[in-house]
């Protein structure tokens, strides 16, 4: 499950692996959680993802008694500028599961042609 995020003119990507119940962050500017504000964003996002899964009939990703799922930040090369982050987020989604991205693009194009 992908959750692209735009905050303060910067994009990053949360990836939830439902089979292992792990959440990962791919972020060109931050390879670890940099602030308490970002920790709150991580908690909020894990709760939203959990609710989406529950609404879809999937089991909770949260361990019993846990309020959120803390993500693992993936160590990736840092962004050399301030304007390519969205392109990287789209490419990561394509590389992780190209069928999801291709399907979303086709759906968007088809809806636009109606």
PDB file of N, CA and C in Angstrom:
ATOM      1  N   UNK A   1       0.856  -1.160   0.000  1.00  0.00           N
ATOM      2  CA  UNK A   1       0.000   0.000   0.000  1.00  0.00           C
ATOM      3  C   UNK A   1       0.908   1.230   0.000  1.00  0.00           C
ATOM      4  N   UNK A   2       0.652   2.148  -0.924  1.00  0.00           N
ATOM      5  CA  UNK A   2       1.447   3.372  -1.023  1.00  0.00           C
ATOM      6  C   UNK A   2       0.694   4.549  -0.422  1.00  0.00           C
ATOM      7  N   UNK A   3       1.430   5.437   0.223  1.00  0.00           N
ATOM      8  CA  UNK A   3       0.858   6.685   0.722  1.00  0.00           C
ATOM      9  C   UNK A   3       1.828   7.815   0.407  1.00  0.00           C
ATOM     10  N   UNK A   4       1.710   8.409  -0.791  1.00  0.00           N
ATOM     11  CA  UNK A   4       2.545   9.578  -1.096  1.00  0.00           C
ATOM     12  C   UNK A   4       2.078  10.777  -0.281  1.00  0.00           C
ATOM     13  N   UNK A   5       3.026  11.537   0.222  1.00  0.00           N
ATOM     14  CA  UNK A   5       2.715  12.669   1.095  1.00  0.00           C
ATOM     15  C   UNK A   5       3.391  13.925   0.557  1.00  0.00           C
ATOM     16  N   UNK A   6       2.624  15.021   0.544  1.00  0.00           N
ATOM     17  CA  UNK A   6       3.172  16.338   0.234  1.00  0.00           C
ATOM     18  C   UNK A   6       2.988  17.202   1.464  1.00  0.00           C
ATOM     19  N   UNK A   7       4.088  17.717   1.979  1.00  0.00           N
ATOM     20  CA  UNK A   7       4.037  18.571   3.160  1.00  0.00           C
ATOM     21  C   UNK A   7       5.155  19.596   3.053  1.00  0.00           C
ATOM     22  N   UNK A   8       4.838  20.860   3.218  1.00  0.00           N
ATOM     23  CA  UNK A   8       5.813  21.952   3.121  1.00  0.00           C
ATOM     24  C   UNK A   8       6.621  21.871   1.831  1.00  0.00           C
ATOM     25  N   UNK A   9       5.908  21.691   0.735  1.00  0.00           N
ATOM     26  CA  UNK A   9       6.514  21.661  -0.603  1.00  0.00           C
ATOM     27  C   UNK A   9       7.527  20.538  -0.784  1.00  0.00           C
ATOM     28  N   UNK A  10       7.355  19.430  -0.057  1.00  0.00           N
ATOM     29  CA  UNK A  10       8.251  18.280  -0.193  1.00  0.00           C
ATOM     30  C   UNK A  10       7.427  16.995  -0.218  1.00  0.00           C
ATOM     31  N   UNK A  11       7.756  16.113  -1.177  1.00  0.00           N
ATOM     32  CA  UNK A  11       7.085  14.825  -1.306  1.00  0.00           C
ATOM     33  C   UNK A  11       7.946  13.725  -0.714  1.00  0.00           C
ATOM     34  N   UNK A  12       7.298  12.767  -0.063  1.00  0.00           N
ATOM     35  CA  UNK A  12       7.949  11.513   0.324  1.00  0.00           C
ATOM     36  C   UNK A  12       6.914  10.410   0.251  1.00  0.00           C
ATOM     37  N   UNK A  13       7.355   9.168   0.436  1.00  0.00           N
ATOM     38  CA  UNK A  13       6.477   8.024   0.229  1.00  0.00           C
ATOM     39  C   UNK A  13       6.517   7.081   1.418  1.00  0.00           C
ATOM     40  N   UNK A  14       5.314   6.747   1.923  1.00  0.00           N
ATOM     41  CA  UNK A  14       5.180   5.662   2.891  1.00  0.00           C
ATOM     42  C   UNK A  14       4.803   4.418   2.106  1.00  0.00           C
ATOM     43  N   UNK A  15       5.427   3.296   2.445  1.00  0.00           N
ATOM     44  CA  UNK A  15       5.102   2.013   1.824  1.00  0.00           C
ATOM     45  C   UNK A  15       4.745   1.056   2.946  1.00  0.00           C
ATOM     46  N   UNK A  16       3.563   0.478   2.858  1.00  0.00           N
ATOM     47  CA  UNK A  16       3.130  -0.490   3.857  1.00  0.00           C
ATOM     48  C   UNK A  16       3.177  -1.876   3.237  1.00  0.00           C
ATOM     49  N   UNK A  17       3.938  -2.769   3.850  1.00  0.00           N
ATOM     50  CA  UNK A  17       3.979  -4.164   3.434  1.00  0.00           C
ATOM     51  C   UNK A  17       2.980  -4.905   4.310  1.00  0.00           C
ATOM     52  N   UNK A  18       1.821  -5.230   3.745  1.00  0.00           N
ATOM     53  CA  UNK A  18       0.771  -5.859   4.534  1.00  0.00           C
ATOM     54  C   UNK A  18       1.159  -7.251   5.009  1.00  0.00           C
ATOM     55  N   UNK A  19       1.996  -7.943   4.231  1.00  0.00           N
ATOM     56  CA  UNK A  19       2.350  -9.317   4.612  1.00  0.00           C
ATOM     57  C   UNK A  19       3.229  -9.361   5.862  1.00  0.00           C
ATOM     58  N   UNK A  20       4.078  -8.351   6.038  1.00  0.00           N
ATOM     59  CA  UNK A  20       4.964  -8.326   7.212  1.00  0.00           C
ATOM     60  C   UNK A  20       4.511  -7.309   8.253  1.00  0.00           C
ATOM     61  N   UNK A  21       3.481  -6.524   7.907  1.00  0.00           N
ATOM     62  CA  UNK A  21       2.968  -5.457   8.764  1.00  0.00           C
ATOM     63  C   UNK A  21       4.078  -4.466   9.129  1.00  0.00           C
ATOM     64  N   UNK A  22       4.873  -4.121   8.124  1.00  0.00           N
ATOM     65  CA  UNK A  22       5.938  -3.129   8.300  1.00  0.00           C
ATOM     66  C   UNK A  22       5.634  -1.925   7.423  1.00  0.00           C
ATOM     67  N   UNK A  23       6.016  -0.762   7.919  1.00  0.00           N
ATOM     68  CA  UNK A  23       5.864   0.472   7.158  1.00  0.00           C
ATOM     69  C   UNK A  23       7.254   1.067   6.935  1.00  0.00           C
ATOM     70  N   UNK A  24       7.483   1.530   5.729  1.00  0.00           N
ATOM     71  CA  UNK A  24       8.771   2.105   5.350  1.00  0.00           C
ATOM     72  C   UNK A  24       8.567   3.519   4.832  1.00  0.00           C
ATOM     73  N   UNK A  25       9.596   4.341   4.972  1.00  0.00           N
ATOM     74  CA  UNK A  25       9.573   5.708   4.442  1.00  0.00           C
ATOM     75  C   UNK A  25      10.714   5.852   3.449  1.00  0.00           C
ATOM     76  N   UNK A  26      10.371   6.334   2.265  1.00  0.00           N
ATOM     77  CA  UNK A  26      11.374   6.700   1.267  1.00  0.00           C
ATOM     78  C   UNK A  26      11.313   8.214   1.142  1.00  0.00           C
ATOM     79  N   UNK A  27      12.389   8.853   1.538  1.00  0.00           N
ATOM     80  CA  UNK A  27      12.418  10.312   1.595  1.00  0.00           C
ATOM     81  C   UNK A  27      13.809  10.782   1.208  1.00  0.00           C
ATOM     82  N   UNK A  28      13.874  11.588   0.156  1.00  0.00           N
ATOM     83  CA  UNK A  28      15.166  12.053  -0.341  1.00  0.00           C
ATOM     84  C   UNK A  28      15.854  13.063   0.563  1.00  0.00           C
ATOM     85  N   UNK A  29      15.110  13.665   1.474  1.00  0.00           N
ATOM     86  CA  UNK A  29      15.715  14.661   2.362  1.00  0.00           C
ATOM     87  C   UNK A  29      15.976  14.131   3.765  1.00  0.00           C
ATOM     88  N   UNK A  30      15.278  13.089   4.155  1.00  0.00           N
ATOM     89  CA  UNK A  30      15.398  12.581   5.523  1.00  0.00           C
ATOM     90  C   UNK A  30      15.568  11.066   5.497  1.00  0.00           C
ATOM     91  N   UNK A  31      16.675  10.580   6.027  1.00  0.00           N
ATOM     92  CA  UNK A  31      16.867   9.137   6.105  1.00  0.00           C
ATOM     93  C   UNK A  31      16.579   8.617   7.510  1.00  0.00           C
ATOM     94  N   UNK A  32      16.163   9.510   8.373  1.00  0.00           N
ATOM     95  CA  UNK A  32      15.680   9.120   9.698  1.00  0.00           C
ATOM     96  C   UNK A  32      14.638  10.152  10.104  1.00  0.00           C
ATOM     97  N   UNK A  33      13.840   9.821  11.093  1.00  0.00           N
ATOM     98  CA  UNK A  33      12.800  10.751  11.509  1.00  0.00           C
ATOM     99  C   UNK A  33      13.451  11.980  12.136  1.00  0.00           C
ATOM    100  N   UNK A  34      13.355  13.145  11.496  1.00  0.00           N
ATOM    101  CA  UNK A  34      14.144  14.301  11.901  1.00  0.00           C
ATOM    102  C   UNK A  34      13.594  15.133  13.058  1.00  0.00           C
ATOM    103  N   UNK A  35      12.309  15.005  13.361  1.00  0.00           N
ATOM    104  CA  UNK A  35      11.753  15.917  14.358  1.00  0.00           C
ATOM    105  C   UNK A  35      10.535  15.289  15.022  1.00  0.00           C
ATOM    106  N   UNK A  36      10.116  15.894  16.116  1.00  0.00           N
ATOM    107  CA  UNK A  36       8.907  15.411  16.786  1.00  0.00           C
ATOM    108  C   UNK A  36       7.682  15.649  15.895  1.00  0.00           C
ATOM    109  N   UNK A  37       7.711  16.722  15.098  1.00  0.00           N
ATOM    110  CA  UNK A  37       6.617  16.977  14.165  1.00  0.00           C
ATOM    111  C   UNK A  37       6.498  15.836  13.154  1.00  0.00           C
ATOM    112  N   UNK A  38       7.640  15.384  12.647  1.00  0.00           N
ATOM    113  CA  UNK A  38       7.630  14.277  11.684  1.00  0.00           C
ATOM    114  C   UNK A  38       7.185  12.980  12.348  1.00  0.00           C
ATOM    115  N   UNK A  39       7.538  12.774  13.605  1.00  0.00           N
ATOM    116  CA  UNK A  39       7.081  11.587  14.324  1.00  0.00           C
ATOM    117  C   UNK A  39       5.556  11.598  14.426  1.00  0.00           C
ATOM    118  N   UNK A  40       4.962  12.759  14.670  1.00  0.00           N
ATOM    119  CA  UNK A  40       3.511  12.864  14.727  1.00  0.00           C
ATOM    120  C   UNK A  40       2.895  12.567  13.359  1.00  0.00           C
ATOM    121  N   UNK A  41       3.545  13.024  12.284  1.00  0.00           N
ATOM    122  CA  UNK A  41       3.066  12.718  10.936  1.00  0.00           C
ATOM    123  C   UNK A  41       3.126  11.219  10.675  1.00  0.00           C
ATOM    124  N   UNK A  42       4.190  10.573  11.154  1.00  0.00           N
ATOM    125  CA  UNK A  42       4.315   9.125  10.980  1.00  0.00           C
ATOM    126  C   UNK A  42       3.182   8.392  11.690  1.00  0.00           C
ATOM    127  N   UNK A  43       2.884   8.803  12.916  1.00  0.00           N
ATOM    128  CA  UNK A  43       1.792   8.176  13.670  1.00  0.00           C
ATOM    129  C   UNK A  43       0.457   8.387  12.964  1.00  0.00           C
ATOM    130  N   UNK A  44       0.232   9.619  12.530  1.00  0.00           N
ATOM    131  CA  UNK A  44      -1.018   9.937  11.836  1.00  0.00           C
ATOM    132  C   UNK A  44      -1.169   9.072  10.584  1.00  0.00           C
ATOM    133  N   UNK A  45      -0.103   8.976   9.787  1.00  0.00           N
ATOM    134  CA  UNK A  45      -0.160   8.203   8.543  1.00  0.00           C
ATOM    135  C   UNK A  45      -0.395   6.729   8.818  1.00  0.00           C
ATOM    136  N   UNK A  46       0.272   6.170   9.819  1.00  0.00           N
ATOM    137  CA  UNK A  46       0.062   4.744  10.114  1.00  0.00           C
ATOM    138  C   UNK A  46      -1.375   4.499  10.553  1.00  0.00           C
ATOM    139  N   UNK A  47      -1.962   5.436  11.286  1.00  0.00           N
ATOM    140  CA  UNK A  47      -3.357   5.283  11.698  1.00  0.00           C
ATOM    141  C   UNK A  47      -4.311   5.378  10.509  1.00  0.00           C
ATOM    142  N   UNK A  48      -4.036   6.285   9.589  1.00  0.00           N
ATOM    143  CA  UNK A  48      -4.861   6.398   8.382  1.00  0.00           C
ATOM    144  C   UNK A  48      -4.767   5.124   7.553  1.00  0.00           C
ATOM    145  N   UNK A  49      -3.550   4.605   7.350  1.00  0.00           N
ATOM    146  CA  UNK A  49      -3.379   3.364   6.586  1.00  0.00           C
ATOM    147  C   UNK A  49      -4.111   2.215   7.263  1.00  0.00           C
ATOM    148  N   UNK A  50      -4.024   2.153   8.583  1.00  0.00           N
ATOM    149  CA  UNK A  50      -4.711   1.106   9.318  1.00  0.00           C
ATOM    150  C   UNK A  50      -6.224   1.204   9.105  1.00  0.00           C
ATOM    151  N   UNK A  51      -6.772   2.422   9.158  1.00  0.00           N
ATOM    152  CA  UNK A  51      -8.207   2.604   8.946  1.00  0.00           C
ATOM    153  C   UNK A  51      -8.616   2.212   7.526  1.00  0.00           C
ATOM    154  N   UNK A  52      -7.801   2.570   6.537  1.00  0.00           N
ATOM    155  CA  UNK A  52      -8.101   2.185   5.157  1.00  0.00           C
ATOM    156  C   UNK A  52      -8.165   0.671   5.012  1.00  0.00           C
ATOM    157  N   UNK A  53      -7.223  -0.018   5.622  1.00  0.00           N
ATOM    158  CA  UNK A  53      -7.221  -1.481   5.553  1.00  0.00           C
ATOM    159  C   UNK A  53      -8.447  -2.064   6.244  1.00  0.00           C
ATOM    160  N   UNK A  54      -8.783  -1.515   7.393  1.00  0.00           N
ATOM    161  CA  UNK A  54      -9.963  -2.007   8.121  1.00  0.00           C
ATOM    162  C   UNK A  54     -11.235  -1.798   7.302  1.00  0.00           C
ATOM    163  N   UNK A  55     -11.368  -0.636   6.658  1.00  0.00           N
ATOM    164  CA  UNK A  55     -12.544  -0.370   5.828  1.00  0.00           C
ATOM    165  C   UNK A  55     -12.611  -1.327   4.643  1.00  0.00           C
ATOM    166  N   UNK A  56     -11.437  -1.769   4.175  1.00  0.00           N
ATOM    167  CA  UNK A  56     -11.391  -2.711   3.056  1.00  0.00           C
ATOM    168  C   UNK A  56     -11.572  -4.160   3.521  1.00  0.00           C
ATOM    169  N   UNK A  57     -11.744  -4.349   4.824  1.00  0.00           N
ATOM    170  CA  UNK A  57     -11.964  -5.696   5.354  1.00  0.00           C
ATOM    171  C   UNK A  57     -10.697  -6.452   5.703  1.00  0.00           C
ATOM    172  N   UNK A  58      -9.553  -5.776   5.663  1.00  0.00           N
ATOM    173  CA  UNK A  58      -8.280  -6.421   6.006  1.00  0.00           C
ATOM    174  C   UNK A  58      -8.041  -6.311   7.514  1.00  0.00           C
ATOM    175  N   UNK A  59      -7.233  -7.212   8.064  1.00  0.00           N
ATOM    176  CA  UNK A  59      -6.937  -7.117   9.496  1.00  0.00           C
ATOM    177  C   UNK A  59      -6.079  -5.892   9.821  1.00  0.00           C
ATOM    178  N   UNK A  60      -6.117  -5.487  11.060  1.00  0.00           N
ATOM    179  CA  UNK A  60      -5.344  -4.334  11.525  1.00  0.00           C
ATOM    180  C   UNK A  60      -3.849  -4.593  11.372  1.00  0.00           C
ATOM    181  N   UNK A  61      -3.121  -3.537  11.048  1.00  0.00           N
ATOM    182  CA  UNK A  61      -1.661  -3.648  10.971  1.00  0.00           C
ATOM    183  C   UNK A  61      -1.019  -3.346  12.310  1.00  0.00           C
ATOM    184  N   UNK A  62      -1.818  -2.814  13.229  1.00  0.00           N
ATOM    185  CA  UNK A  62      -1.274  -2.424  14.523  1.00  0.00           C
ATOM    186  C   UNK A  62      -1.251  -3.615  15.465  1.00  0.00           C
ATOM    187  N   UNK A  63      -0.162  -3.736  16.190  1.00  0.00           N
ATOM    188  CA  UNK A  63      -0.076  -4.778  17.191  1.00  0.00           C
ATOM    189  C   UNK A  63      -1.025  -4.448  18.336  1.00  0.00           C
ATOM    190  N   UNK A  64      -1.532  -5.465  18.995  1.00  0.00           N
ATOM    191  CA  UNK A  64      -2.509  -5.260  20.071  1.00  0.00           C
ATOM    192  C   UNK A  64      -1.946  -4.296  21.115  1.00  0.00           C
ATOM    193  N   UNK A  65      -2.729  -3.278  21.437  1.00  0.00           N
ATOM    194  CA  UNK A  65      -2.324  -2.288  22.429  1.00  0.00           C
ATOM    195  C   UNK A  65      -1.486  -1.154  21.872  1.00  0.00           C
ATOM    196  N   UNK A  66      -1.067  -1.248  20.594  1.00  0.00           N
ATOM    197  CA  UNK A  66      -0.245  -0.207  19.984  1.00  0.00           C
ATOM    198  C   UNK A  66      -1.147   0.851  19.361  1.00  0.00           C
ATOM    199  N   UNK A  67      -0.740   2.100  19.467  1.00  0.00           N
ATOM    200  CA  UNK A  67      -1.518   3.195  18.897  1.00  0.00           C
ATOM    201  C   UNK A  67      -1.089   3.555  17.489  1.00  0.00           C
ATOM    202  N   UNK A  68       0.130   3.164  17.098  1.00  0.00           N
ATOM    203  CA  UNK A  68       0.593   3.462  15.750  1.00  0.00           C
ATOM    204  C   UNK A  68       1.712   2.499  15.377  1.00  0.00           C
ATOM    205  N   UNK A  69       2.032   2.493  14.106  1.00  0.00           N
ATOM    206  CA  UNK A  69       3.101   1.661  13.573  1.00  0.00           C
ATOM    207  C   UNK A  69       4.246   2.591  13.188  1.00  0.00           C
ATOM    208  N   UNK A  70       5.376   2.458  13.845  1.00  0.00           N
ATOM    209  CA  UNK A  70       6.502   3.337  13.533  1.00  0.00           C
ATOM    210  C   UNK A  70       7.233   2.826  12.303  1.00  0.00           C
ATOM    211  N   UNK A  71       7.478   3.707  11.348  1.00  0.00           N
ATOM    212  CA  UNK A  71       8.105   3.276  10.100  1.00  0.00           C
ATOM    213  C   UNK A  71       9.624   3.159  10.211  1.00  0.00           C
ATOM    214  N   UNK A  72      10.160   2.389   9.292  1.00  0.00           N
ATOM    215  CA  UNK A  72      11.606   2.285   9.106  1.00  0.00           C
ATOM    216  C   UNK A  72      11.975   3.205   7.954  1.00  0.00           C
ATOM    217  N   UNK A  73      12.916   4.083   8.196  1.00  0.00           N
ATOM    218  CA  UNK A  73      13.394   4.964   7.130  1.00  0.00           C
ATOM    219  C   UNK A  73      14.448   4.217   6.319  1.00  0.00           C
ATOM    220  N   UNK A  74      14.246   4.187   5.000  1.00  0.00           N
ATOM    221  CA  UNK A  74      15.169   3.502   4.105  1.00  0.00           C
ATOM    222  C   UNK A  74      16.325   4.443   3.780  1.00  0.00           C
ATOM    223  N   UNK A  75      17.526   3.942   3.916  1.00  0.00           N
ATOM    224  CA  UNK A  75      18.722   4.738   3.643  1.00  0.00           C
ATOM    225  C   UNK A  75      18.916   4.830   2.126  1.00  0.00           C
ATOM    226  N   UNK A  76      18.563   5.969   1.563  1.00  0.00           N
ATOM    227  CA  UNK A  76      18.684   6.197   0.128  1.00  0.00           C
ATOM    228  C   UNK A  76      19.513   7.454  -0.095  1.00  0.00           C
ATOM    229  N   UNK A  77      20.068   7.630  -1.304  1.00  0.00           N
ATOM    230  CA  UNK A  77      20.826   8.854  -1.580  1.00  0.00           C
ATOM    231  C   UNK A  77      19.962  10.088  -1.356  1.00  0.00           C
ATOM    232  N   UNK A  78      20.581  11.142  -0.909  1.00  0.00           N
ATOM    233  CA  UNK A  78      19.864  12.376  -0.607  1.00  0.00           C
ATOM    234  C   UNK A  78      19.628  13.197  -1.867  1.00  0.00           C
ATOM    235  N   UNK A  79      18.565  13.978  -1.838  1.00  0.00           N
ATOM    236  CA  UNK A  79      18.154  14.804  -2.964  1.00  0.00           C
ATOM    237  C   UNK A  79      19.122  15.969  -3.158  1.00  0.00           C
ATOM    238  N   UNK A  80      19.636  16.155  -4.391  1.00  0.00           N
ATOM    239  CA  UNK A  80      20.600  17.227  -4.629  1.00  0.00           C
ATOM    240  C   UNK A  80      19.960  18.599  -4.862  1.00  0.00           C
ATOM    241  N   UNK A  81      18.621  18.643  -4.956  1.00  0.00           N
ATOM    242  CA  UNK A  81      17.946  19.912  -5.215  1.00  0.00           C
ATOM    243  C   UNK A  81      16.614  19.931  -4.479  1.00  0.00           C
ATOM    244  N   UNK A  82      15.818  20.963  -4.723  1.00  0.00           N
ATOM    245  CA  UNK A  82      14.542  21.102  -4.011  1.00  0.00           C
ATOM    246  C   UNK A  82      13.316  20.888  -4.900  1.00  0.00           C
ATOM    247  N   UNK A  83      13.490  20.252  -6.068  1.00  0.00           N
ATOM    248  CA  UNK A  83      12.334  20.179  -6.959  1.00  0.00           C
ATOM    249  C   UNK A  83      12.108  18.821  -7.618  1.00  0.00           C
ATOM    250  N   UNK A  84      12.888  17.800  -7.341  1.00  0.00           N
ATOM    251  CA  UNK A  84      12.709  16.498  -7.988  1.00  0.00           C
ATOM    252  C   UNK A  84      11.968  15.468  -7.141  1.00  0.00           C
ATOM    253  N   UNK A  85      11.582  15.800  -5.926  1.00  0.00           N
ATOM    254  CA  UNK A  85      11.061  14.787  -5.001  1.00  0.00           C
ATOM    255  C   UNK A  85       9.810  14.083  -5.534  1.00  0.00           C
ATOM    256  N   UNK A  86       8.898  14.800  -6.187  1.00  0.00           N
ATOM    257  CA  UNK A  86       7.676  14.165  -6.693  1.00  0.00           C
ATOM    258  C   UNK A  86       7.986  13.144  -7.775  1.00  0.00           C
ATOM    259  N   UNK A  87       8.955  13.445  -8.629  1.00  0.00           N
ATOM    260  CA  UNK A  87       9.345  12.510  -9.686  1.00  0.00           C
ATOM    261  C   UNK A  87       9.903  11.229  -9.063  1.00  0.00           C
ATOM    262  N   UNK A  88      10.710  11.374  -8.034  1.00  0.00           N
ATOM    263  CA  UNK A  88      11.254  10.199  -7.357  1.00  0.00           C
ATOM    264  C   UNK A  88      10.145   9.375  -6.711  1.00  0.00           C
ATOM    265  N   UNK A  89       9.177  10.018  -6.077  1.00  0.00           N
ATOM    266  CA  UNK A  89       8.072   9.292  -5.441  1.00  0.00           C
ATOM    267  C   UNK A  89       7.315   8.471  -6.483  1.00  0.00           C
ATOM    268  N   UNK A  90       7.019   9.070  -7.635  1.00  0.00           N
ATOM    269  CA  UNK A  90       6.317   8.335  -8.691  1.00  0.00           C
ATOM    270  C   UNK A  90       7.155   7.164  -9.199  1.00  0.00           C
ATOM    271  N   UNK A  91       8.445   7.383  -9.360  1.00  0.00           N
ATOM    272  CA  UNK A  91       9.317   6.320  -9.853  1.00  0.00           C
ATOM    273  C   UNK A  91       9.426   5.177  -8.849  1.00  0.00           C
ATOM    274  N   UNK A  92       9.503   5.501  -7.555  1.00  0.00           N
ATOM    275  CA  UNK A  92       9.561   4.444  -6.539  1.00  0.00           C
ATOM    276  C   UNK A  92       8.308   3.576  -6.596  1.00  0.00           C
ATOM    277  N   UNK A  93       7.139   4.209  -6.740  1.00  0.00           N
ATOM    278  CA  UNK A  93       5.906   3.422  -6.812  1.00  0.00           C
ATOM    279  C   UNK A  93       5.913   2.522  -8.039  1.00  0.00           C
ATOM    280  N   UNK A  94       6.400   3.035  -9.141  1.00  0.00           N
ATOM    281  CA  UNK A  94       6.482   2.239 -10.359  1.00  0.00           C
ATOM    282  C   UNK A  94       7.450   1.071 -10.180  1.00  0.00           C
ATOM    283  N   UNK A  95       8.584   1.322  -9.543  1.00  0.00           N
ATOM    284  CA  UNK A  95       9.591   0.275  -9.363  1.00  0.00           C
ATOM    285  C   UNK A  95       9.124  -0.795  -8.374  1.00  0.00           C
ATOM    286  N   UNK A  96       8.390  -0.381  -7.349  1.00  0.00           N
ATOM    287  CA  UNK A  96       7.937  -1.338  -6.342  1.00  0.00           C
ATOM    288  C   UNK A  96       6.819  -2.203  -6.897  1.00  0.00           C
ATOM    289  N   UNK A  97       5.851  -1.618  -7.579  1.00  0.00           N
ATOM    290  CA  UNK A  97       4.762  -2.379  -8.191  1.00  0.00           C
ATOM    291  C   UNK A  97       4.219  -1.624  -9.394  1.00  0.00           C
ATOM    292  N   UNK A  98       4.801  -1.881 -10.572  1.00  0.00           N
ATOM    293  CA  UNK A  98       4.411  -1.123 -11.758  1.00  0.00           C
ATOM    294  C   UNK A  98       2.946  -1.297 -12.139  1.00  0.00           C
ATOM    295  N   UNK A  99       2.309  -2.412 -11.770  1.00  0.00           N
ATOM    296  CA  UNK A  99       0.902  -2.608 -12.157  1.00  0.00           C
ATOM    297  C   UNK A  99      -0.004  -1.631 -11.434  1.00  0.00           C
ATOM    298  N   UNK A 100       0.329  -1.277 -10.195  1.00  0.00           N
ATOM    299  CA  UNK A 100      -0.494  -0.323  -9.452  1.00  0.00           C
ATOM    300  C   UNK A 100      -0.422   1.054 -10.098  1.00  0.00           C
ATOM    301  N   UNK A 101       0.790   1.494 -10.413  1.00  0.00           N
ATOM    302  CA  UNK A 101       0.954   2.824 -10.996  1.00  0.00           C
ATOM    303  C   UNK A 101       0.346   2.876 -12.393  1.00  0.00           C
ATOM    304  N   UNK A 102       0.598   1.858 -13.208  1.00  0.00           N
ATOM    305  CA  UNK A 102       0.044   1.835 -14.563  1.00  0.00           C
ATOM    306  C   UNK A 102      -1.475   1.843 -14.516  1.00  0.00           C
ATOM    307  N   UNK A 103      -2.058   1.081 -13.605  1.00  0.00           N
ATOM    308  CA  UNK A 103      -3.515   1.047 -13.469  1.00  0.00           C
ATOM    309  C   UNK A 103      -4.073   2.399 -13.073  1.00  0.00           C
ATOM    310  N   UNK A 104      -3.400   3.081 -12.166  1.00  0.00           N
ATOM    311  CA  UNK A 104      -3.853   4.393 -11.711  1.00  0.00           C
ATOM    312  C   UNK A 104      -3.779   5.408 -12.840  1.00  0.00           C
ATOM    313  N   UNK A 105      -2.708   5.348 -13.621  1.00  0.00           N
ATOM    314  CA  UNK A 105      -2.550   6.276 -14.744  1.00  0.00           C
ATOM    315  C   UNK A 105      -3.631   6.020 -15.783  1.00  0.00           C
ATOM    316  N   UNK A 106      -3.874   4.749 -16.114  1.00  0.00           N
ATOM    317  CA  UNK A 106      -4.906   4.433 -17.108  1.00  0.00           C
ATOM    318  C   UNK A 106      -6.289   4.865 -16.630  1.00  0.00           C
ATOM    319  N   UNK A 107      -6.586   4.649 -15.367  1.00  0.00           N
ATOM    320  CA  UNK A 107      -7.875   5.065 -14.806  1.00  0.00           C
ATOM    321  C   UNK A 107      -8.029   6.576 -14.903  1.00  0.00           C
ATOM    322  N   UNK A 108      -6.977   7.302 -14.556  1.00  0.00           N
ATOM    323  CA  UNK A 108      -7.015   8.766 -14.631  1.00  0.00           C
ATOM    324  C   UNK A 108      -7.222   9.227 -16.059  1.00  0.00           C
ATOM    325  N   UNK A 109      -6.492   8.612 -16.994  1.00  0.00           N
ATOM    326  CA  UNK A 109      -6.644   8.991 -18.404  1.00  0.00           C
ATOM    327  C   UNK A 109      -8.037   8.672 -18.901  1.00  0.00           C
ATOM    328  N   UNK A 110      -8.562   7.488 -18.569  1.00  0.00           N
ATOM    329  CA  UNK A 110      -9.903   7.115 -19.008  1.00  0.00           C
ATOM    330  C   UNK A 110     -10.963   8.049 -18.436  1.00  0.00           C
ATOM    331  N   UNK A 111     -10.825   8.413 -17.175  1.00  0.00           N
ATOM    332  CA  UNK A 111     -11.793   9.324 -16.568  1.00  0.00           C
ATOM    333  C   UNK A 111     -11.729  10.709 -17.207  1.00  0.00           C
ATOM    334  N   UNK A 112     -10.526  11.099 -17.618  1.00  0.00           N
ATOM    335  CA  UNK A 112     -10.375  12.402 -18.254  1.00  0.00           C
ATOM    336  C   UNK A 112     -10.950  12.456 -19.652  1.00  0.00           C
ATOM    337  N   UNK A 113     -11.074  11.296 -20.302  1.00  0.00           N
ATOM    338  CA  UNK A 113     -11.598  11.260 -21.668  1.00  0.00           C
ATOM    339  C   UNK A 113     -13.118  11.208 -21.728  1.00  0.00           C
ATOM    340  N   UNK A 114     -13.776  11.015 -20.592  1.00  0.00           N
ATOM    341  CA  UNK A 114     -15.243  10.916 -20.587  1.00  0.00           C
ATOM    342  C   UNK A 114     -15.886  12.273 -20.705  1.00  0.00           C
TER     343      UNK A 114
END
